[in-house]
Amino acid sequence: KLQEMGAKNVVVSMAGEGAVLVGSDGTISMLPAPKGKLVNGVGA
């Protein structure tokens, strides 16, 4: 929907759930978060 409103590429971050890409070239990618110990979430 944000693409339809004008954005070319949309990345949605989801903390421990990973992230989603909806790309201008038709790419839809959904990836889980890499495994590791959370030390500092500021600036991620």
PDB file of all heavy atoms in Angstrom:
ATOM      1  N   LYS A   1       0.835  -1.212   0.000  1.00  0.00           N
ATOM      2  CA  LYS A   1       0.000   0.000   0.000  1.00  0.00           C
ATOM      3  C   LYS A   1       0.870   1.262   0.000  1.00  0.00           C
ATOM      4  O   LYS A   1       0.558   2.252  -0.671  1.00  0.00           O
ATOM      5  CB  LYS A   1      -0.934   0.002   1.214  1.00  0.00           C
ATOM      6  CG  LYS A   1      -2.115  -0.952   1.117  1.00  0.00           C
ATOM      7  CD  LYS A   1      -2.972  -0.863   2.366  1.00  0.00           C
ATOM      8  CE  LYS A   1      -4.107  -1.881   2.333  1.00  0.00           C
ATOM      9  NZ  LYS A   1      -5.128  -1.557   1.315  1.00  0.00           N
ATOM     10  N   LEU A   2       1.964   1.234   0.767  1.00  0.00           N
ATOM     11  CA  LEU A   2       2.876   2.384   0.767  1.00  0.00           C
ATOM     12  C   LEU A   2       3.537   2.552  -0.594  1.00  0.00           C
ATOM     13  O   LEU A   2       3.798   3.679  -1.037  1.00  0.00           O
ATOM     14  CB  LEU A   2       3.936   2.224   1.860  1.00  0.00           C
ATOM     15  CG  LEU A   2       3.432   2.289   3.300  1.00  0.00           C
ATOM     16  CD1 LEU A   2       4.594   2.157   4.280  1.00  0.00           C
ATOM     17  CD2 LEU A   2       2.677   3.583   3.572  1.00  0.00           C
ATOM     18  N   GLN A   3       3.793   1.442  -1.275  1.00  0.00           N
ATOM     19  CA  GLN A   3       4.296   1.516  -2.656  1.00  0.00           C
ATOM     20  C   GLN A   3       3.270   2.179  -3.562  1.00  0.00           C
ATOM     21  O   GLN A   3       3.593   3.040  -4.378  1.00  0.00           O
ATOM     22  CB  GLN A   3       4.612   0.120  -3.187  1.00  0.00           C
ATOM     23  CG  GLN A   3       6.050  -0.307  -2.999  1.00  0.00           C
ATOM     24  CD  GLN A   3       6.376  -1.540  -3.806  1.00  0.00           C
ATOM     25  OE1 GLN A   3       5.510  -2.370  -4.090  1.00  0.00           O
ATOM     26  NE2 GLN A   3       7.630  -1.687  -4.173  1.00  0.00           N
ATOM     27  N   GLU A   4       2.020   1.780  -3.424  1.00  0.00           N
ATOM     28  CA  GLU A   4       0.952   2.371  -4.239  1.00  0.00           C
ATOM     29  C   GLU A   4       0.831   3.867  -3.976  1.00  0.00           C
ATOM     30  O   GLU A   4       0.449   4.642  -4.856  1.00  0.00           O
ATOM     31  CB  GLU A   4      -0.372   1.684  -3.947  1.00  0.00           C
ATOM     32  CG  GLU A   4      -0.437   0.229  -4.415  1.00  0.00           C
ATOM     33  CD  GLU A   4      -1.613  -0.532  -3.814  1.00  0.00           C
ATOM     34  OE1 GLU A   4      -2.440   0.099  -3.109  1.00  0.00           O
ATOM     35  OE2 GLU A   4      -1.702  -1.749  -4.050  1.00  0.00           O
ATOM     36  N   MET A   5       1.192   4.298  -2.771  1.00  0.00           N
ATOM     37  CA  MET A   5       1.123   5.716  -2.415  1.00  0.00           C
ATOM     38  C   MET A   5       2.352   6.484  -2.886  1.00  0.00           C
ATOM     39  O   MET A   5       2.389   7.707  -2.756  1.00  0.00           O
ATOM     40  CB  MET A   5       0.951   5.852  -0.902  1.00  0.00           C
ATOM     41  CG  MET A   5      -0.370   5.284  -0.386  1.00  0.00           C
ATOM     42  SD  MET A   5      -0.427   5.069   1.416  1.00  0.00           S
ATOM     43  CE  MET A   5      -0.488   6.773   1.971  1.00  0.00           C
ATOM     44  N   GLY A   6       3.377   5.758  -3.394  1.00  0.00           N
ATOM     45  CA  GLY A   6       4.509   6.455  -3.991  1.00  0.00           C
ATOM     46  C   GLY A   6       5.886   5.926  -3.683  1.00  0.00           C
ATOM     47  O   GLY A   6       6.833   6.198  -4.431  1.00  0.00           O
ATOM     48  N   ALA A   7       6.070   5.203  -2.567  1.00  0.00           N
ATOM     49  CA  ALA A   7       7.408   4.712  -2.216  1.00  0.00           C
ATOM     50  C   ALA A   7       7.879   3.685  -3.243  1.00  0.00           C
ATOM     51  O   ALA A   7       7.110   2.850  -3.704  1.00  0.00           O
ATOM     52  CB  ALA A   7       7.392   4.093  -0.835  1.00  0.00           C
ATOM     53  N   LYS A   8       9.156   3.743  -3.606  1.00  0.00           N
ATOM     54  CA  LYS A   8       9.693   2.778  -4.572  1.00  0.00           C
ATOM     55  C   LYS A   8      10.043   1.457  -3.885  1.00  0.00           C
ATOM     56  O   LYS A   8       9.647   0.390  -4.343  1.00  0.00           O
ATOM     57  CB  LYS A   8      10.916   3.373  -5.280  1.00  0.00           C
ATOM     58  CG  LYS A   8      10.567   4.540  -6.193  1.00  0.00           C
ATOM     59  CD  LYS A   8      11.802   5.087  -6.888  1.00  0.00           C
ATOM     60  CE  LYS A   8      11.433   6.263  -7.796  1.00  0.00           C
ATOM     61  NZ  LYS A   8      12.623   6.852  -8.446  1.00  0.00           N
ATOM     62  N   ASN A   9      10.816   1.539  -2.814  1.00  0.00           N
ATOM     63  CA  ASN A   9      11.217   0.345  -2.073  1.00  0.00           C
ATOM     64  C   ASN A   9      10.832   0.523  -0.614  1.00  0.00           C
ATOM     65  O   ASN A   9      11.038   1.598  -0.041  1.00  0.00           O
ATOM     66  CB  ASN A   9      12.726   0.118  -2.185  1.00  0.00           C
ATOM     67  CG  ASN A   9      13.176  -0.064  -3.624  1.00  0.00           C
ATOM     68  OD1 ASN A   9      12.909  -1.082  -4.249  1.00  0.00           O
ATOM     69  ND2 ASN A   9      13.860   0.949  -4.167  1.00  0.00           N
ATOM     70  N   VAL A  10      10.268  -0.531  -0.028  1.00  0.00           N
ATOM     71  CA  VAL A  10       9.829  -0.477   1.363  1.00  0.00           C
ATOM     72  C   VAL A  10      10.503  -1.606   2.130  1.00  0.00           C
ATOM     73  O   VAL A  10      10.362  -2.779   1.763  1.00  0.00           O
ATOM     74  CB  VAL A  10       8.297  -0.617   1.485  1.00  0.00           C
ATOM     75  CG1 VAL A  10       7.874  -0.501   2.955  1.00  0.00           C
ATOM     76  CG2 VAL A  10       7.585   0.429   0.636  1.00  0.00           C
ATOM     77  N   VAL A  11      11.254  -1.249   3.161  1.00  0.00           N
ATOM     78  CA  VAL A  11      11.798  -2.234   4.086  1.00  0.00           C
ATOM     79  C   VAL A  11      11.109  -2.026   5.426  1.00  0.00           C
ATOM     80  O   VAL A  11      11.064  -0.907   5.942  1.00  0.00           O
ATOM     81  CB  VAL A  11      13.330  -2.087   4.251  1.00  0.00           C
ATOM     82  CG1 VAL A  11      13.832  -2.951   5.402  1.00  0.00           C
ATOM     83  CG2 VAL A  11      14.041  -2.473   2.965  1.00  0.00           C
ATOM     84  N   VAL A  12      10.569  -3.119   5.974  1.00  0.00           N
ATOM     85  CA  VAL A  12       9.899  -3.061   7.270  1.00  0.00           C
ATOM     86  C   VAL A  12      10.716  -3.877   8.259  1.00  0.00           C
ATOM     87  O   VAL A  12      10.883  -5.090   8.089  1.00  0.00           O
ATOM     88  CB  VAL A  12       8.460  -3.608   7.186  1.00  0.00           C
ATOM     89  CG1 VAL A  12       7.777  -3.474   8.549  1.00  0.00           C
ATOM     90  CG2 VAL A  12       7.659  -2.872   6.112  1.00  0.00           C
ATOM     91  N   SER A  13      11.252  -3.211   9.271  1.00  0.00           N
ATOM     92  CA  SER A  13      12.024  -3.914  10.294  1.00  0.00           C
ATOM     93  C   SER A  13      11.078  -4.408  11.382  1.00  0.00           C
ATOM     94  O   SER A  13      10.098  -3.755  11.724  1.00  0.00           O
ATOM     95  CB  SER A  13      13.093  -2.986  10.888  1.00  0.00           C
ATOM     96  OG  SER A  13      12.506  -1.809  11.416  1.00  0.00           O
ATOM     97  N   MET A  14      11.405  -5.596  11.936  1.00  0.00           N
ATOM     98  CA  MET A  14      10.510  -6.231  12.904  1.00  0.00           C
ATOM     99  C   MET A  14      11.278  -6.788  14.104  1.00  0.00           C
ATOM    100  O   MET A  14      10.875  -7.802  14.679  1.00  0.00           O
ATOM    101  CB  MET A  14       9.704  -7.334  12.218  1.00  0.00           C
ATOM    102  CG  MET A  14       8.878  -6.858  11.040  1.00  0.00           C
ATOM    103  SD  MET A  14       7.852  -8.150  10.299  1.00  0.00           S
ATOM    104  CE  MET A  14       6.651  -8.417  11.605  1.00  0.00           C
ATOM    105  N   ALA A  15      12.394  -6.153  14.456  1.00  0.00           N
ATOM    106  CA  ALA A  15      13.205  -6.576  15.606  1.00  0.00           C
ATOM    107  C   ALA A  15      13.496  -8.076  15.520  1.00  0.00           C
ATOM    108  O   ALA A  15      14.016  -8.545  14.518  1.00  0.00           O
ATOM    109  CB  ALA A  15      12.504  -6.203  16.916  1.00  0.00           C
ATOM    110  N   GLY A  16      13.112  -8.845  16.539  1.00  0.00           N
ATOM    111  CA  GLY A  16      13.436 -10.263  16.588  1.00  0.00           C
ATOM    112  C   GLY A  16      12.735 -11.105  15.541  1.00  0.00           C
ATOM    113  O   GLY A  16      13.106 -12.265  15.317  1.00  0.00           O
ATOM    114  N   GLU A  17      11.717 -10.538  14.882  1.00  0.00           N
ATOM    115  CA  GLU A  17      11.003 -11.277  13.828  1.00  0.00           C
ATOM    116  C   GLU A  17      11.675 -11.141  12.465  1.00  0.00           C
ATOM    117  O   GLU A  17      11.232 -11.747  11.493  1.00  0.00           O
ATOM    118  CB  GLU A  17       9.551 -10.776  13.725  1.00  0.00           C
ATOM    119  CG  GLU A  17       8.668 -11.204  14.874  1.00  0.00           C
ATOM    120  CD  GLU A  17       8.554 -12.719  14.985  1.00  0.00           C
ATOM    121  OE1 GLU A  17       8.279 -13.369  13.956  1.00  0.00           O
ATOM    122  OE2 GLU A  17       8.773 -13.245  16.089  1.00  0.00           O
ATOM    123  N   GLY A  18      12.711 -10.313  12.365  1.00  0.00           N
ATOM    124  CA  GLY A  18      13.403 -10.160  11.092  1.00  0.00           C
ATOM    125  C   GLY A  18      12.952  -8.916  10.353  1.00  0.00           C
ATOM    126  O   GLY A  18      12.731  -7.866  10.947  1.00  0.00           O
ATOM    127  N   ALA A  19      12.781  -9.032   9.037  1.00  0.00           N
ATOM    128  CA  ALA A  19      12.432  -7.870   8.218  1.00  0.00           C
ATOM    129  C   ALA A  19      11.808  -8.323   6.909  1.00  0.00           C
ATOM    130  O   ALA A  19      11.905  -9.492   6.519  1.00  0.00           O
ATOM    131  CB  ALA A  19      13.666  -7.008   7.953  1.00  0.00           C
ATOM    132  N   VAL A  20      11.175  -7.364   6.233  1.00  0.00           N
ATOM    133  CA  VAL A  20      10.489  -7.619   4.959  1.00  0.00           C
ATOM    134  C   VAL A  20      10.915  -6.555   3.958  1.00  0.00           C
ATOM    135  O   VAL A  20      11.014  -5.375   4.307  1.00  0.00           O
ATOM    136  CB  VAL A  20       8.955  -7.582   5.146  1.00  0.00           C
ATOM    137  CG1 VAL A  20       8.234  -7.686   3.801  1.00  0.00           C
ATOM    138  CG2 VAL A  20       8.497  -8.690   6.084  1.00  0.00           C
ATOM    139  N   LEU A  21      11.167  -6.976   2.738  1.00  0.00           N
ATOM    140  CA  LEU A  21      11.429  -6.058   1.623  1.00  0.00           C
ATOM    141  C   LEU A  21      10.354  -6.215   0.572  1.00  0.00           C
ATOM    142  O   LEU A  21      10.067  -7.330   0.131  1.00  0.00           O
ATOM    143  CB  LEU A  21      12.792  -6.353   0.979  1.00  0.00           C
ATOM    144  CG  LEU A  21      13.034  -5.728  -0.408  1.00  0.00           C
ATOM    145  CD1 LEU A  21      13.161  -4.207  -0.311  1.00  0.00           C
ATOM    146  CD2 LEU A  21      14.273  -6.326  -1.066  1.00  0.00           C
ATOM    147  N   VAL A  22       9.754  -5.099   0.181  1.00  0.00           N
ATOM    148  CA  VAL A  22       8.911  -5.055  -1.009  1.00  0.00           C
ATOM    149  C   VAL A  22       9.600  -4.092  -1.970  1.00  0.00           C
ATOM    150  O   VAL A  22       9.650  -2.887  -1.722  1.00  0.00           O
ATOM    151  CB  VAL A  22       7.478  -4.594  -0.679  1.00  0.00           C
ATOM    152  CG1 VAL A  22       6.642  -4.474  -1.946  1.00  0.00           C
ATOM    153  CG2 VAL A  22       6.819  -5.579   0.288  1.00  0.00           C
ATOM    154  N   GLY A  23      10.192  -4.651  -3.037  1.00  0.00           N
ATOM    155  CA  GLY A  23      11.066  -3.880  -3.902  1.00  0.00           C
ATOM    156  C   GLY A  23      10.386  -3.344  -5.149  1.00  0.00           C
ATOM    157  O   GLY A  23       9.362  -3.865  -5.606  1.00  0.00           O
ATOM    158  N   SER A  24      10.991  -2.330  -5.723  1.00  0.00           N
ATOM    159  CA  SER A  24      10.462  -1.698  -6.934  1.00  0.00           C
ATOM    160  C   SER A  24      10.532  -2.617  -8.142  1.00  0.00           C
ATOM    161  O   SER A  24       9.825  -2.405  -9.127  1.00  0.00           O
ATOM    162  CB  SER A  24      11.231  -0.405  -7.230  1.00  0.00           C
ATOM    163  OG  SER A  24      12.620  -0.678  -7.379  1.00  0.00           O
ATOM    164  N   ASP A  25      11.385  -3.647  -8.083  1.00  0.00           N
ATOM    165  CA  ASP A  25      11.511  -4.595  -9.198  1.00  0.00           C
ATOM    166  C   ASP A  25      10.592  -5.805  -9.032  1.00  0.00           C
ATOM    167  O   ASP A  25      10.711  -6.787  -9.765  1.00  0.00           O
ATOM    168  CB  ASP A  25      12.961  -5.067  -9.339  1.00  0.00           C
ATOM    169  CG  ASP A  25      13.476  -5.773  -8.083  1.00  0.00           C
ATOM    170  OD1 ASP A  25      12.724  -5.852  -7.081  1.00  0.00           O
ATOM    171  OD2 ASP A  25      14.630  -6.244  -8.099  1.00  0.00           O
ATOM    172  N   GLY A  26       9.680  -5.739  -8.067  1.00  0.00           N
ATOM    173  CA  GLY A  26       8.773  -6.856  -7.819  1.00  0.00           C
ATOM    174  C   GLY A  26       9.258  -7.828  -6.763  1.00  0.00           C
ATOM    175  O   GLY A  26       8.533  -8.750  -6.394  1.00  0.00           O
ATOM    176  N   THR A  27      10.466  -7.608  -6.259  1.00  0.00           N
ATOM    177  CA  THR A  27      11.019  -8.486  -5.224  1.00  0.00           C
ATOM    178  C   THR A  27      10.191  -8.404  -3.943  1.00  0.00           C
ATOM    179  O   THR A  27       9.851  -7.314  -3.477  1.00  0.00           O
ATOM    180  CB  THR A  27      12.469  -8.086  -4.890  1.00  0.00           C
ATOM    181  OG1 THR A  27      13.288  -8.266  -6.031  1.00  0.00           O
ATOM    182  CG2 THR A  27      13.019  -8.916  -3.738  1.00  0.00           C
ATOM    183  N   ILE A  28       9.845  -9.560  -3.398  1.00  0.00           N
ATOM    184  CA  ILE A  28       9.288  -9.635  -2.050  1.00  0.00           C
ATOM    185  C   ILE A  28      10.156 -10.616  -1.279  1.00  0.00           C
ATOM    186  O   ILE A  28      10.247 -11.791  -1.645  1.00  0.00           O
ATOM    187  CB  ILE A  28       7.823 -10.099  -2.049  1.00  0.00           C
ATOM    188  CG1 ILE A  28       6.942  -9.076  -2.777  1.00  0.00           C
ATOM    189  CG2 ILE A  28       7.335 -10.278  -0.600  1.00  0.00           C
ATOM    190  CD1 ILE A  28       5.494  -9.496  -2.902  1.00  0.00           C
ATOM    191  N   SER A  29      10.824 -10.125  -0.261  1.00  0.00           N
ATOM    192  CA  SER A  29      11.741 -10.963   0.511  1.00  0.00           C
ATOM    193  C   SER A  29      11.397 -10.847   1.985  1.00  0.00           C
ATOM    194  O   SER A  29      11.209  -9.745   2.503  1.00  0.00           O
ATOM    195  CB  SER A  29      13.191 -10.533   0.262  1.00  0.00           C
ATOM    196  OG  SER A  29      14.087 -11.390   0.932  1.00  0.00           O
ATOM    197  N   MET A  30      11.269 -11.993   2.645  1.00  0.00           N
ATOM    198  CA  MET A  30      10.977 -12.037   4.079  1.00  0.00           C
ATOM    199  C   MET A  30      12.056 -12.888   4.744  1.00  0.00           C
ATOM    200  O   MET A  30      12.193 -14.067   4.415  1.00  0.00           O
ATOM    201  CB  MET A  30       9.601 -12.643   4.328  1.00  0.00           C
ATOM    202  CG  MET A  30       8.457 -11.811   3.783  1.00  0.00           C
ATOM    203  SD  MET A  30       6.836 -12.586   4.045  1.00  0.00           S
ATOM    204  CE  MET A  30       6.862 -13.825   2.753  1.00  0.00           C
ATOM    205  N   LEU A  31      12.827 -12.275   5.642  1.00  0.00           N
ATOM    206  CA  LEU A  31      13.931 -12.992   6.271  1.00  0.00           C
ATOM    207  C   LEU A  31      13.817 -12.929   7.790  1.00  0.00           C
ATOM    208  O   LEU A  31      13.460 -11.876   8.347  1.00  0.00           O
ATOM    209  CB  LEU A  31      15.270 -12.404   5.840  1.00  0.00           C
ATOM    210  CG  LEU A  31      15.672 -12.635   4.374  1.00  0.00           C
ATOM    211  CD1 LEU A  31      16.935 -11.852   4.046  1.00  0.00           C
ATOM    212  CD2 LEU A  31      15.888 -14.125   4.115  1.00  0.00           C
ATOM    213  N   PRO A  32      14.122 -14.034   8.456  1.00  0.00           N
ATOM    214  CA  PRO A  32      14.143 -14.006   9.923  1.00  0.00           C
ATOM    215  C   PRO A  32      15.353 -13.233  10.428  1.00  0.00           C
ATOM    216  O   PRO A  32      16.303 -12.967   9.677  1.00  0.00           O
ATOM    217  CB  PRO A  32      14.256 -15.495  10.296  1.00  0.00           C
ATOM    218  CG  PRO A  32      14.968 -16.102   9.120  1.00  0.00           C
ATOM    219  CD  PRO A  32      14.501 -15.343   7.916  1.00  0.00           C
ATOM    220  N   ALA A  33      15.317 -12.881  11.693  1.00  0.00           N
ATOM    221  CA  ALA A  33      16.466 -12.188  12.293  1.00  0.00           C
ATOM    222  C   ALA A  33      17.625 -13.157  12.467  1.00  0.00           C
ATOM    223  O   ALA A  33      17.426 -14.295  12.881  1.00  0.00           O
ATOM    224  CB  ALA A  33      16.066 -11.599  13.641  1.00  0.00           C
ATOM    225  N   PRO A  34      18.850 -12.736  12.137  1.00  0.00           N
ATOM    226  CA  PRO A  34      20.014 -13.586  12.415  1.00  0.00           C
ATOM    227  C   PRO A  34      20.104 -13.892  13.904  1.00  0.00           C
ATOM    228  O   PRO A  34      19.679 -13.103  14.749  1.00  0.00           O
ATOM    229  CB  PRO A  34      21.190 -12.721  11.947  1.00  0.00           C
ATOM    230  CG  PRO A  34      20.605 -11.766  10.975  1.00  0.00           C
ATOM    231  CD  PRO A  34      19.218 -11.486  11.460  1.00  0.00           C
ATOM    232  N   LYS A  35      20.705 -15.028  14.215  1.00  0.00           N
ATOM    233  CA  LYS A  35      20.816 -15.443  15.616  1.00  0.00           C
ATOM    234  C   LYS A  35      21.982 -14.731  16.277  1.00  0.00           C
ATOM    235  O   LYS A  35      23.054 -14.596  15.704  1.00  0.00           O
ATOM    236  CB  LYS A  35      21.012 -16.955  15.696  1.00  0.00           C
ATOM    237  CG  LYS A  35      19.773 -17.712  15.286  1.00  0.00           C
ATOM    238  CD  LYS A  35      19.935 -19.192  15.529  1.00  0.00           C
ATOM    239  CE  LYS A  35      18.613 -19.798  15.358  1.00  0.00           C
ATOM    240  NZ  LYS A  35      18.150 -20.761  14.759  1.00  0.00           N
ATOM    241  N   GLY A  36      21.745 -14.281  17.497  1.00  0.00           N
ATOM    242  CA  GLY A  36      22.789 -13.615  18.262  1.00  0.00           C
ATOM    243  C   GLY A  36      22.220 -13.056  19.551  1.00  0.00           C
ATOM    244  O   GLY A  36      20.999 -13.006  19.731  1.00  0.00           O
ATOM    245  N   LYS A  37      23.082 -12.602  20.434  1.00  0.00           N
ATOM    246  CA  LYS A  37      22.655 -12.057  21.726  1.00  0.00           C
ATOM    247  C   LYS A  37      22.442 -10.551  21.616  1.00  0.00           C
ATOM    248  O   LYS A  37      23.341  -9.814  21.199  1.00  0.00           O
ATOM    249  CB  LYS A  37      23.715 -12.349  22.792  1.00  0.00           C
ATOM    250  CG  LYS A  37      23.338 -11.809  24.164  1.00  0.00           C
ATOM    251  CD  LYS A  37      24.447 -12.051  25.180  1.00  0.00           C
ATOM    252  CE  LYS A  37      24.084 -11.420  26.523  1.00  0.00           C
ATOM    253  NZ  LYS A  37      25.169 -11.589  27.511  1.00  0.00           N
ATOM    254  N   LEU A  38      21.244 -10.091  21.984  1.00  0.00           N
ATOM    255  CA  LEU A  38      20.951  -8.660  21.982  1.00  0.00           C
ATOM    256  C   LEU A  38      21.767  -7.977  23.082  1.00  0.00           C
ATOM    257  O   LEU A  38      21.641  -8.302  24.258  1.00  0.00           O
ATOM    258  CB  LEU A  38      19.464  -8.417  22.208  1.00  0.00           C
ATOM    259  CG  LEU A  38      19.037  -6.946  22.326  1.00  0.00           C
ATOM    260  CD1 LEU A  38      19.323  -6.189  21.034  1.00  0.00           C
ATOM    261  CD2 LEU A  38      17.564  -6.830  22.700  1.00  0.00           C
ATOM    262  N   VAL A  39      22.610  -7.044  22.664  1.00  0.00           N
ATOM    263  CA  VAL A  39      23.447  -6.293  23.601  1.00  0.00           C
ATOM    264  C   VAL A  39      22.972  -4.852  23.709  1.00  0.00           C
ATOM    265  O   VAL A  39      22.881  -4.285  24.790  1.00  0.00           O
ATOM    266  CB  VAL A  39      24.933  -6.337  23.165  1.00  0.00           C
ATOM    267  CG1 VAL A  39      25.797  -5.463  24.062  1.00  0.00           C
ATOM    268  CG2 VAL A  39      25.442  -7.774  23.168  1.00  0.00           C
ATOM    269  N   ASN A  40      22.645  -4.254  22.561  1.00  0.00           N
ATOM    270  CA  ASN A  40      22.272  -2.835  22.537  1.00  0.00           C
ATOM    271  C   ASN A  40      21.406  -2.558  21.314  1.00  0.00           C
ATOM    272  O   ASN A  40      21.908  -2.564  20.195  1.00  0.00           O
ATOM    273  CB  ASN A  40      23.541  -1.965  22.519  1.00  0.00           C
ATOM    274  CG  ASN A  40      23.224  -0.483  22.463  1.00  0.00           C
ATOM    275  OD1 ASN A  40      22.122  -0.054  22.779  1.00  0.00           O
ATOM    276  ND2 ASN A  40      24.204   0.299  22.056  1.00  0.00           N
ATOM    277  N   GLY A  41      20.103  -2.344  21.526  1.00  0.00           N
ATOM    278  CA  GLY A  41      19.190  -2.127  20.407  1.00  0.00           C
ATOM    279  C   GLY A  41      19.234  -0.711  19.848  1.00  0.00           C
ATOM    280  O   GLY A  41      18.653  -0.449  18.785  1.00  0.00           O
ATOM    281  N   VAL A  42      19.913   0.229  20.535  1.00  0.00           N
ATOM    282  CA  VAL A  42      19.949   1.618  20.070  1.00  0.00           C
ATOM    283  C   VAL A  42      20.713   1.709  18.752  1.00  0.00           C
ATOM    284  O   VAL A  42      21.860   1.277  18.653  1.00  0.00           O
ATOM    285  CB  VAL A  42      20.608   2.531  21.133  1.00  0.00           C
ATOM    286  CG1 VAL A  42      20.733   3.951  20.600  1.00  0.00           C
ATOM    287  CG2 VAL A  42      19.810   2.511  22.422  1.00  0.00           C
ATOM    288  N   GLY A  43      20.064   2.253  17.732  1.00  0.00           N
ATOM    289  CA  GLY A  43      20.739   2.448  16.446  1.00  0.00           C
ATOM    290  C   GLY A  43      20.657   1.273  15.497  1.00  0.00           C
ATOM    291  O   GLY A  43      21.194   1.343  14.386  1.00  0.00           O
ATOM    292  N   ALA A  44      19.967   0.198  15.890  1.00  0.00           N
ATOM    293  CA  ALA A  44      19.899  -0.978  15.010  1.00  0.00           C
ATOM    294  C   ALA A  44      19.132  -0.658  13.724  1.00  0.00           C
ATOM    295  O   ALA A  44      19.549  -1.047  12.626  1.00  0.00           O
ATOM    296  CB  ALA A  44      19.248  -2.149  15.744  1.00  0.00           C
TER     297      ALA A  44
END
